[in-house]
């Protein structure tokens, strides 16, 4: 992943064109990225049309306006200055999301307008206050930047939060769902050589074979299978995901819907981008 980002950054540095060509990618991937660029011409800090859009376009576009990511980073700096480095008092996925995006576009999250946006992810109590969602994203963010942090405590939190039927959901009770289970498996995949982690992964795999009735569920499962290096399952879901792509390049939430939407497209592009790295 680091090598892949380095190659892209070198190409970015030498390009002087308004639209900067990158190595050829699958047309479906680039079409989705162009949809996002059209829908979100100026990405800004935020869950929708912000960090995930930036991450998806970075991984999916074969060309884009050269100022696309710089404008986003300028907005992040402006936001951070205004809030004096405090993106949230209790929702620490805000920091995880920004850290992941900045790492993706080769910006240093530890020094944004003089503030360290990775530092809050070291606070176990604040991160875990948000539940499994906050912990899983914090672990993904720490690994994205290879930062030090309470990884073992986060892993332990995840393992002890596994539901009786295997897997996880947002609420911590009831039946596991494939979206959250897949995201959690992505977070703990690098630690699967640990016995308890491997055991949790094995007991949760069946959840991802359930009713994947949305493009988001399929996308998350592809990302999980990629992290776990289970290529056969990943490949089998690729064709299914492409059924959700519209003529405008965007992806829709469900097959019975007609309109593309930003969130579905963001997740689909992240999923499809893993096939370009193979």
C-alpha atoms as a PDB file:
ATOM      1  CA  UNK A   1       0.000   0.000   0.000  1.00  0.00           C
ATOM      2  CA  UNK A   2       2.815   2.434   0.868  1.00  0.00           C
ATOM      3  CA  UNK A   3       4.599   1.626  -2.397  1.00  0.00           C
ATOM      4  CA  UNK A   4       1.364   2.118  -4.297  1.00  0.00           C
ATOM      5  CA  UNK A   5       0.832   5.551  -2.709  1.00  0.00           C
ATOM      6  CA  UNK A   6       4.451   6.520  -3.357  1.00  0.00           C
ATOM      7  CA  UNK A   7       4.156   5.724  -7.063  1.00  0.00           C
ATOM      8  CA  UNK A   8       0.996   7.809  -7.304  1.00  0.00           C
ATOM      9  CA  UNK A   9       2.591  10.737  -5.481  1.00  0.00           C
ATOM     10  CA  UNK A  10       5.593  10.718  -7.820  1.00  0.00           C
ATOM     11  CA  UNK A  11       3.289  10.866 -10.832  1.00  0.00           C
ATOM     12  CA  UNK A  12       1.368  13.714  -9.223  1.00  0.00           C
ATOM     13  CA  UNK A  13       4.562  15.677  -8.636  1.00  0.00           C
ATOM     14  CA  UNK A  14       5.742  15.572 -12.229  1.00  0.00           C
ATOM     15  CA  UNK A  15       2.393  16.270 -13.882  1.00  0.00           C
ATOM     16  CA  UNK A  16       1.773  19.866 -15.027  1.00  0.00           C
ATOM     17  CA  UNK A  17      -1.593  19.326 -16.674  1.00  0.00           C
ATOM     18  CA  UNK A  18      -4.933  20.514 -15.292  1.00  0.00           C
ATOM     19  CA  UNK A  19      -6.204  16.951 -15.425  1.00  0.00           C
ATOM     20  CA  UNK A  20      -3.464  14.641 -14.324  1.00  0.00           C
ATOM     21  CA  UNK A  21      -3.361  11.179 -15.911  1.00  0.00           C
ATOM     22  CA  UNK A  22      -2.622   8.274 -13.618  1.00  0.00           C
ATOM     23  CA  UNK A  23      -1.986   4.632 -14.510  1.00  0.00           C
ATOM     24  CA  UNK A  24      -4.896   3.114 -16.396  1.00  0.00           C
ATOM     25  CA  UNK A  25      -7.596   1.662 -14.183  1.00  0.00           C
ATOM     26  CA  UNK A  26     -10.751  -0.290 -14.847  1.00  0.00           C
ATOM     27  CA  UNK A  27     -13.320   1.882 -16.601  1.00  0.00           C
ATOM     28  CA  UNK A  28     -15.946   1.087 -13.967  1.00  0.00           C
ATOM     29  CA  UNK A  29     -13.660   2.451 -11.276  1.00  0.00           C
ATOM     30  CA  UNK A  30     -12.831   5.659 -13.105  1.00  0.00           C
ATOM     31  CA  UNK A  31     -16.463   6.180 -14.131  1.00  0.00           C
ATOM     32  CA  UNK A  32     -17.440   6.028 -10.469  1.00  0.00           C
ATOM     33  CA  UNK A  33     -14.726   8.509  -9.551  1.00  0.00           C
ATOM     34  CA  UNK A  34     -15.885  10.925 -12.248  1.00  0.00           C
ATOM     35  CA  UNK A  35     -19.407  10.700 -10.816  1.00  0.00           C
ATOM     36  CA  UNK A  36     -18.070  11.718  -7.415  1.00  0.00           C
ATOM     37  CA  UNK A  37     -16.032  14.579  -8.850  1.00  0.00           C
ATOM     38  CA  UNK A  38     -19.154  15.873 -10.601  1.00  0.00           C
ATOM     39  CA  UNK A  39     -21.330  15.517  -7.498  1.00  0.00           C
ATOM     40  CA  UNK A  40     -18.673  16.807  -5.116  1.00  0.00           C
ATOM     41  CA  UNK A  41     -16.537  19.302  -7.068  1.00  0.00           C
ATOM     42  CA  UNK A  42     -15.122  20.778  -3.844  1.00  0.00           C
ATOM     43  CA  UNK A  43     -14.814  18.147  -1.094  1.00  0.00           C
ATOM     44  CA  UNK A  44     -14.799  19.526   2.426  1.00  0.00           C
ATOM     45  CA  UNK A  45     -14.481  18.175   5.937  1.00  0.00           C
ATOM     46  CA  UNK A  46     -17.423  15.871   6.638  1.00  0.00           C
ATOM     47  CA  UNK A  47     -18.694  12.305   6.503  1.00  0.00           C
ATOM     48  CA  UNK A  48     -20.543  12.796   3.200  1.00  0.00           C
ATOM     49  CA  UNK A  49     -18.749  14.562   0.375  1.00  0.00           C
ATOM     50  CA  UNK A  50     -15.636  14.836   2.487  1.00  0.00           C
ATOM     51  CA  UNK A  51     -13.032  12.336   3.633  1.00  0.00           C
ATOM     52  CA  UNK A  52     -14.594   9.250   2.079  1.00  0.00           C
ATOM     53  CA  UNK A  53     -15.075  11.048  -1.236  1.00  0.00           C
ATOM     54  CA  UNK A  54     -11.446  12.163  -1.206  1.00  0.00           C
ATOM     55  CA  UNK A  55     -10.265   8.641  -0.397  1.00  0.00           C
ATOM     56  CA  UNK A  56     -12.455   7.089  -3.094  1.00  0.00           C
ATOM     57  CA  UNK A  57     -11.429   9.561  -5.810  1.00  0.00           C
ATOM     58  CA  UNK A  58      -7.753   9.198  -4.923  1.00  0.00           C
ATOM     59  CA  UNK A  59      -8.000   5.449  -5.354  1.00  0.00           C
ATOM     60  CA  UNK A  60     -10.310   5.458  -8.351  1.00  0.00           C
ATOM     61  CA  UNK A  61      -9.794   8.385 -10.703  1.00  0.00           C
ATOM     62  CA  UNK A  62      -7.532   8.122 -13.720  1.00  0.00           C
ATOM     63  CA  UNK A  63      -7.733  11.917 -13.997  1.00  0.00           C
ATOM     64  CA  UNK A  64      -9.030  14.759 -11.892  1.00  0.00           C
ATOM     65  CA  UNK A  65      -8.535  18.528 -11.441  1.00  0.00           C
ATOM     66  CA  UNK A  66      -5.065  19.058  -9.983  1.00  0.00           C
ATOM     67  CA  UNK A  67      -6.414  21.249  -7.167  1.00  0.00           C
ATOM     68  CA  UNK A  68      -9.010  18.682  -6.036  1.00  0.00           C
ATOM     69  CA  UNK A  69      -7.063  17.350  -3.074  1.00  0.00           C
ATOM     70  CA  UNK A  70      -5.243  20.573  -2.262  1.00  0.00           C
ATOM     71  CA  UNK A  71      -8.557  22.381  -1.918  1.00  0.00           C
ATOM     72  CA  UNK A  72      -9.773  19.676   0.431  1.00  0.00           C
ATOM     73  CA  UNK A  73      -6.629  19.932   2.530  1.00  0.00           C
ATOM     74  CA  UNK A  74      -6.978  23.712   2.674  1.00  0.00           C
ATOM     75  CA  UNK A  75     -10.500  23.268   4.024  1.00  0.00           C
ATOM     76  CA  UNK A  76      -9.227  20.819   6.648  1.00  0.00           C
ATOM     77  CA  UNK A  77      -6.620  23.324   7.755  1.00  0.00           C
ATOM     78  CA  UNK A  78      -9.260  26.050   7.963  1.00  0.00           C
ATOM     79  CA  UNK A  79     -11.567  23.785   9.965  1.00  0.00           C
ATOM     80  CA  UNK A  80      -8.835  22.685  12.348  1.00  0.00           C
ATOM     81  CA  UNK A  81      -7.725  26.245  12.991  1.00  0.00           C
ATOM     82  CA  UNK A  82     -11.290  27.330  13.685  1.00  0.00           C
ATOM     83  CA  UNK A  83     -11.963  24.533  16.184  1.00  0.00           C
ATOM     84  CA  UNK A  84      -8.414  24.689  17.594  1.00  0.00           C
ATOM     85  CA  UNK A  85      -7.784  21.059  16.792  1.00  0.00           C
ATOM     86  CA  UNK A  86     -10.927  19.722  18.501  1.00  0.00           C
ATOM     87  CA  UNK A  87     -13.023  18.063  15.805  1.00  0.00           C
ATOM     88  CA  UNK A  88     -15.308  16.490  18.401  1.00  0.00           C
ATOM     89  CA  UNK A  89     -15.542  16.031  22.152  1.00  0.00           C
ATOM     90  CA  UNK A  90     -17.161  12.611  22.034  1.00  0.00           C
ATOM     91  CA  UNK A  91     -17.338  11.269  18.452  1.00  0.00           C
ATOM     92  CA  UNK A  92     -13.790  10.193  17.772  1.00  0.00           C
ATOM     93  CA  UNK A  93     -14.548   8.614  14.423  1.00  0.00           C
ATOM     94  CA  UNK A  94     -14.183  12.210  13.232  1.00  0.00           C
ATOM     95  CA  UNK A  95     -10.457  11.957  13.880  1.00  0.00           C
ATOM     96  CA  UNK A  96     -10.179   8.436  12.433  1.00  0.00           C
ATOM     97  CA  UNK A  97     -11.913   9.461   9.220  1.00  0.00           C
ATOM     98  CA  UNK A  98      -9.668  12.488   8.706  1.00  0.00           C
ATOM     99  CA  UNK A  99      -6.487  10.577   9.568  1.00  0.00           C
ATOM    100  CA  UNK A 100      -7.309   7.870   7.016  1.00  0.00           C
ATOM    101  CA  UNK A 101      -8.033  10.446   4.301  1.00  0.00           C
ATOM    102  CA  UNK A 102      -4.892  12.477   4.984  1.00  0.00           C
ATOM    103  CA  UNK A 103      -2.720   9.380   4.974  1.00  0.00           C
ATOM    104  CA  UNK A 104      -4.267   8.411   1.650  1.00  0.00           C
ATOM    105  CA  UNK A 105      -3.392  11.720  -0.034  1.00  0.00           C
ATOM    106  CA  UNK A 106       0.079  11.824   1.535  1.00  0.00           C
ATOM    107  CA  UNK A 107      -0.581  14.576   4.072  1.00  0.00           C
ATOM    108  CA  UNK A 108       0.687  14.363   7.633  1.00  0.00           C
ATOM    109  CA  UNK A 109      -2.232  14.090  10.107  1.00  0.00           C
ATOM    110  CA  UNK A 110       0.149  14.714  13.003  1.00  0.00           C
ATOM    111  CA  UNK A 111       0.706  18.288  11.872  1.00  0.00           C
ATOM    112  CA  UNK A 112      -2.341  19.980  10.402  1.00  0.00           C
ATOM    113  CA  UNK A 113      -2.089  23.707  11.002  1.00  0.00           C
ATOM    114  CA  UNK A 114       0.053  22.821  13.985  1.00  0.00           C
ATOM    115  CA  UNK A 115      -2.372  20.273  15.472  1.00  0.00           C
ATOM    116  CA  UNK A 116      -1.898  16.516  15.857  1.00  0.00           C
ATOM    117  CA  UNK A 117      -5.139  14.907  14.674  1.00  0.00           C
ATOM    118  CA  UNK A 118      -3.859  11.400  15.385  1.00  0.00           C
ATOM    119  CA  UNK A 119      -3.252  12.114  19.076  1.00  0.00           C
ATOM    120  CA  UNK A 120      -6.928  11.746  20.150  1.00  0.00           C
ATOM    121  CA  UNK A 121      -6.871   8.158  18.878  1.00  0.00           C
ATOM    122  CA  UNK A 122      -4.508   7.300  21.728  1.00  0.00           C
ATOM    123  CA  UNK A 123      -7.295   8.015  24.234  1.00  0.00           C
ATOM    124  CA  UNK A 124      -8.856   4.594  24.802  1.00  0.00           C
ATOM    125  CA  UNK A 125     -11.680   5.851  27.004  1.00  0.00           C
ATOM    126  CA  UNK A 126     -12.856   8.505  24.549  1.00  0.00           C
ATOM    127  CA  UNK A 127     -12.507   6.223  21.527  1.00  0.00           C
ATOM    128  CA  UNK A 128     -14.308   3.277  23.146  1.00  0.00           C
ATOM    129  CA  UNK A 129     -17.088   5.570  24.410  1.00  0.00           C
ATOM    130  CA  UNK A 130     -18.461   5.465  20.875  1.00  0.00           C
ATOM    131  CA  UNK A 131     -18.601   1.679  20.898  1.00  0.00           C
ATOM    132  CA  UNK A 132     -17.430  -0.857  18.360  1.00  0.00           C
ATOM    133  CA  UNK A 133     -17.649   1.640  15.493  1.00  0.00           C
ATOM    134  CA  UNK A 134     -15.245   4.049  17.174  1.00  0.00           C
ATOM    135  CA  UNK A 135     -12.781   1.341  18.175  1.00  0.00           C
ATOM    136  CA  UNK A 136     -12.680  -0.363  14.771  1.00  0.00           C
ATOM    137  CA  UNK A 137     -12.136   2.897  12.917  1.00  0.00           C
ATOM    138  CA  UNK A 138      -9.451   3.970  15.376  1.00  0.00           C
ATOM    139  CA  UNK A 139      -7.575   0.733  14.748  1.00  0.00           C
ATOM    140  CA  UNK A 140      -7.853   1.223  10.984  1.00  0.00           C
ATOM    141  CA  UNK A 141      -6.584   4.791  11.321  1.00  0.00           C
ATOM    142  CA  UNK A 142      -3.651   3.841  13.537  1.00  0.00           C
ATOM    143  CA  UNK A 143      -2.603   1.192  11.055  1.00  0.00           C
ATOM    144  CA  UNK A 144      -3.052   3.550   8.090  1.00  0.00           C
ATOM    145  CA  UNK A 145      -0.393   5.826   9.544  1.00  0.00           C
ATOM    146  CA  UNK A 146       1.503   3.168  11.460  1.00  0.00           C
ATOM    147  CA  UNK A 147       1.107   5.246  14.588  1.00  0.00           C
ATOM    148  CA  UNK A 148       1.724   4.020  18.093  1.00  0.00           C
ATOM    149  CA  UNK A 149      -1.406   3.581  20.176  1.00  0.00           C
ATOM    150  CA  UNK A 150      -3.356   1.223  22.448  1.00  0.00           C
ATOM    151  CA  UNK A 151      -3.812  -1.393  19.730  1.00  0.00           C
ATOM    152  CA  UNK A 152      -3.959  -4.352  22.112  1.00  0.00           C
ATOM    153  CA  UNK A 153      -6.697  -2.709  24.165  1.00  0.00           C
ATOM    154  CA  UNK A 154      -8.660  -1.954  21.008  1.00  0.00           C
ATOM    155  CA  UNK A 155      -8.255  -5.516  19.774  1.00  0.00           C
ATOM    156  CA  UNK A 156      -9.358  -6.877  23.147  1.00  0.00           C
ATOM    157  CA  UNK A 157     -12.396  -4.581  23.083  1.00  0.00           C
ATOM    158  CA  UNK A 158     -13.342  -5.897  19.664  1.00  0.00           C
ATOM    159  CA  UNK A 159     -12.900  -9.551  20.639  1.00  0.00           C
ATOM    160  CA  UNK A 160     -14.961  -9.225  23.810  1.00  0.00           C
ATOM    161  CA  UNK A 161     -17.690  -7.365  21.899  1.00  0.00           C
ATOM    162  CA  UNK A 162     -18.332 -10.214  19.474  1.00  0.00           C
ATOM    163  CA  UNK A 163     -21.985 -11.209  19.506  1.00  0.00           C
ATOM    164  CA  UNK A 164     -23.113 -14.738  20.457  1.00  0.00           C
ATOM    165  CA  UNK A 165     -23.943 -15.605  16.839  1.00  0.00           C
ATOM    166  CA  UNK A 166     -20.506 -14.445  15.669  1.00  0.00           C
ATOM    167  CA  UNK A 167     -19.803 -11.042  14.174  1.00  0.00           C
ATOM    168  CA  UNK A 168     -20.755  -7.548  15.257  1.00  0.00           C
ATOM    169  CA  UNK A 169     -23.328  -4.824  14.783  1.00  0.00           C
ATOM    170  CA  UNK A 170     -23.476  -1.129  15.598  1.00  0.00           C
ATOM    171  CA  UNK A 171     -25.561  -1.568  18.749  1.00  0.00           C
ATOM    172  CA  UNK A 172     -23.692  -4.381  20.502  1.00  0.00           C
ATOM    173  CA  UNK A 173     -26.740  -6.616  20.928  1.00  0.00           C
ATOM    174  CA  UNK A 174     -29.031  -8.660  18.726  1.00  0.00           C
ATOM    175  CA  UNK A 175     -27.940 -10.264  15.474  1.00  0.00           C
ATOM    176  CA  UNK A 176     -24.672  -9.471  13.735  1.00  0.00           C
ATOM    177  CA  UNK A 177     -24.843  -7.635  10.417  1.00  0.00           C
ATOM    178  CA  UNK A 178     -22.465  -8.047   7.465  1.00  0.00           C
ATOM    179  CA  UNK A 179     -21.527  -4.362   7.158  1.00  0.00           C
ATOM    180  CA  UNK A 180     -20.196  -3.902  10.677  1.00  0.00           C
ATOM    181  CA  UNK A 181     -18.758  -7.412  10.784  1.00  0.00           C
ATOM    182  CA  UNK A 182     -16.827  -6.801   7.581  1.00  0.00           C
ATOM    183  CA  UNK A 183     -15.498  -3.470   8.834  1.00  0.00           C
ATOM    184  CA  UNK A 184     -14.367  -5.022  12.115  1.00  0.00           C
ATOM    185  CA  UNK A 185     -12.692  -7.896  10.292  1.00  0.00           C
ATOM    186  CA  UNK A 186     -10.771  -5.349   8.209  1.00  0.00           C
ATOM    187  CA  UNK A 187      -9.548  -3.745  11.414  1.00  0.00           C
ATOM    188  CA  UNK A 188      -8.337  -6.958  13.059  1.00  0.00           C
ATOM    189  CA  UNK A 189      -7.105  -8.713   9.914  1.00  0.00           C
ATOM    190  CA  UNK A 190      -3.452  -7.609  10.409  1.00  0.00           C
ATOM    191  CA  UNK A 191      -3.503  -9.343  13.822  1.00  0.00           C
ATOM    192  CA  UNK A 192      -4.966 -12.661  12.734  1.00  0.00           C
ATOM    193  CA  UNK A 193      -1.850 -14.543  13.860  1.00  0.00           C
ATOM    194  CA  UNK A 194      -3.097 -14.028  17.428  1.00  0.00           C
ATOM    195  CA  UNK A 195      -5.154 -16.992  18.579  1.00  0.00           C
ATOM    196  CA  UNK A 196      -8.121 -14.993  19.924  1.00  0.00           C
ATOM    197  CA  UNK A 197      -8.250 -12.844  16.809  1.00  0.00           C
ATOM    198  CA  UNK A 198      -8.130 -15.847  14.501  1.00  0.00           C
ATOM    199  CA  UNK A 199     -10.868 -17.511  16.511  1.00  0.00           C
ATOM    200  CA  UNK A 200     -13.062 -14.413  16.266  1.00  0.00           C
ATOM    201  CA  UNK A 201     -12.462 -14.181  12.527  1.00  0.00           C
ATOM    202  CA  UNK A 202     -13.323 -17.831  11.964  1.00  0.00           C
ATOM    203  CA  UNK A 203     -16.548 -17.592  13.950  1.00  0.00           C
ATOM    204  CA  UNK A 204     -17.621 -14.457  12.085  1.00  0.00           C
ATOM    205  CA  UNK A 205     -17.034 -15.457   8.479  1.00  0.00           C
ATOM    206  CA  UNK A 206     -20.515 -16.890   7.995  1.00  0.00           C
ATOM    207  CA  UNK A 207     -22.061 -13.469   8.696  1.00  0.00           C
ATOM    208  CA  UNK A 208     -20.546 -12.116   5.479  1.00  0.00           C
ATOM    209  CA  UNK A 209     -22.225 -14.892   3.535  1.00  0.00           C
ATOM    210  CA  UNK A 210     -25.647 -13.736   4.651  1.00  0.00           C
ATOM    211  CA  UNK A 211     -28.136 -11.618   2.753  1.00  0.00           C
ATOM    212  CA  UNK A 212     -26.015  -8.946   1.091  1.00  0.00           C
ATOM    213  CA  UNK A 213     -28.899  -6.845  -0.134  1.00  0.00           C
ATOM    214  CA  UNK A 214     -27.077  -3.542  -0.646  1.00  0.00           C
ATOM    215  CA  UNK A 215     -24.048  -2.314  -2.534  1.00  0.00           C
ATOM    216  CA  UNK A 216     -22.569  -1.083   0.750  1.00  0.00           C
ATOM    217  CA  UNK A 217     -22.696  -4.560   2.279  1.00  0.00           C
ATOM    218  CA  UNK A 218     -21.033  -6.055  -0.776  1.00  0.00           C
ATOM    219  CA  UNK A 219     -18.365  -3.341  -0.798  1.00  0.00           C
ATOM    220  CA  UNK A 220     -17.524  -3.842   2.860  1.00  0.00           C
ATOM    221  CA  UNK A 221     -17.292  -7.606   2.421  1.00  0.00           C
ATOM    222  CA  UNK A 222     -14.938  -7.204  -0.546  1.00  0.00           C
ATOM    223  CA  UNK A 223     -12.705  -4.974   1.579  1.00  0.00           C
ATOM    224  CA  UNK A 224     -12.759  -7.506   4.406  1.00  0.00           C
ATOM    225  CA  UNK A 225     -11.935 -10.439   2.154  1.00  0.00           C
ATOM    226  CA  UNK A 226      -9.107  -8.404   0.669  1.00  0.00           C
ATOM    227  CA  UNK A 227      -7.693  -7.635   4.117  1.00  0.00           C
ATOM    228  CA  UNK A 228      -7.961 -11.318   5.023  1.00  0.00           C
ATOM    229  CA  UNK A 229      -6.391 -12.308   1.675  1.00  0.00           C
ATOM    230  CA  UNK A 230      -9.331 -14.509   0.694  1.00  0.00           C
ATOM    231  CA  UNK A 231      -9.210 -13.803  -3.022  1.00  0.00           C
ATOM    232  CA  UNK A 232     -11.783 -16.357  -4.183  1.00  0.00           C
ATOM    233  CA  UNK A 233     -14.566 -14.771  -2.133  1.00  0.00           C
ATOM    234  CA  UNK A 234     -13.463 -11.288  -3.127  1.00  0.00           C
ATOM    235  CA  UNK A 235     -13.571 -12.092  -6.826  1.00  0.00           C
ATOM    236  CA  UNK A 236     -17.009 -13.686  -6.596  1.00  0.00           C
ATOM    237  CA  UNK A 237     -18.479 -10.458  -5.204  1.00  0.00           C
ATOM    238  CA  UNK A 238     -16.978  -8.132  -7.808  1.00  0.00           C
ATOM    239  CA  UNK A 239     -19.531  -8.950 -10.524  1.00  0.00           C
ATOM    240  CA  UNK A 240     -22.346  -8.634  -8.027  1.00  0.00           C
ATOM    241  CA  UNK A 241     -21.192  -5.164  -6.986  1.00  0.00           C
ATOM    242  CA  UNK A 242     -21.020  -3.964 -10.599  1.00  0.00           C
ATOM    243  CA  UNK A 243     -24.735  -4.721 -10.976  1.00  0.00           C
ATOM    244  CA  UNK A 244     -25.359  -1.667  -8.788  1.00  0.00           C
ATOM    245  CA  UNK A 245     -23.512   0.742 -11.077  1.00  0.00           C
ATOM    246  CA  UNK A 246     -25.606   3.154 -13.149  1.00  0.00           C
ATOM    247  CA  UNK A 247     -24.861   4.711 -16.527  1.00  0.00           C
ATOM    248  CA  UNK A 248     -23.751   7.906 -14.801  1.00  0.00           C
ATOM    249  CA  UNK A 249     -20.898   5.962 -13.194  1.00  0.00           C
ATOM    250  CA  UNK A 250     -22.335   6.148  -9.697  1.00  0.00           C
ATOM    251  CA  UNK A 251     -23.597   3.286  -7.581  1.00  0.00           C
ATOM    252  CA  UNK A 252     -27.020   2.882  -6.022  1.00  0.00           C
ATOM    253  CA  UNK A 253     -27.882   1.487  -2.615  1.00  0.00           C
ATOM    254  CA  UNK A 254     -30.179  -1.326  -3.756  1.00  0.00           C
ATOM    255  CA  UNK A 255     -31.099  -2.942  -7.042  1.00  0.00           C
ATOM    256  CA  UNK A 256     -34.685  -1.731  -6.849  1.00  0.00           C
ATOM    257  CA  UNK A 257     -33.574   1.902  -6.642  1.00  0.00           C
ATOM    258  CA  UNK A 258     -32.782   4.017  -9.682  1.00  0.00           C
ATOM    259  CA  UNK A 259     -30.636   6.913  -8.467  1.00  0.00           C
ATOM    260  CA  UNK A 260     -26.925   6.768  -7.716  1.00  0.00           C
ATOM    261  CA  UNK A 261     -25.792   8.258  -4.437  1.00  0.00           C
ATOM    262  CA  UNK A 262     -22.528   9.516  -2.999  1.00  0.00           C
ATOM    263  CA  UNK A 263     -22.217   7.134  -0.055  1.00  0.00           C
ATOM    264  CA  UNK A 264     -22.797   3.971  -2.089  1.00  0.00           C
ATOM    265  CA  UNK A 265     -20.348   5.161  -4.733  1.00  0.00           C
ATOM    266  CA  UNK A 266     -17.653   6.025  -2.191  1.00  0.00           C
ATOM    267  CA  UNK A 267     -17.762   2.541  -0.708  1.00  0.00           C
ATOM    268  CA  UNK A 268     -17.971   0.800  -4.086  1.00  0.00           C
ATOM    269  CA  UNK A 269     -14.871   2.600  -5.355  1.00  0.00           C
ATOM    270  CA  UNK A 270     -12.892   1.650  -2.276  1.00  0.00           C
ATOM    271  CA  UNK A 271     -13.896  -1.954  -2.868  1.00  0.00           C
ATOM    272  CA  UNK A 272     -13.115  -1.939  -6.588  1.00  0.00           C
ATOM    273  CA  UNK A 273      -9.758  -0.269  -6.025  1.00  0.00           C
ATOM    274  CA  UNK A 274      -8.408  -3.386  -4.306  1.00  0.00           C
ATOM    275  CA  UNK A 275      -8.556  -5.245  -7.607  1.00  0.00           C
ATOM    276  CA  UNK A 276      -6.251  -2.651  -9.170  1.00  0.00           C
ATOM    277  CA  UNK A 277      -3.614  -3.339  -6.524  1.00  0.00           C
ATOM    278  CA  UNK A 278      -3.600  -7.107  -7.136  1.00  0.00           C
END
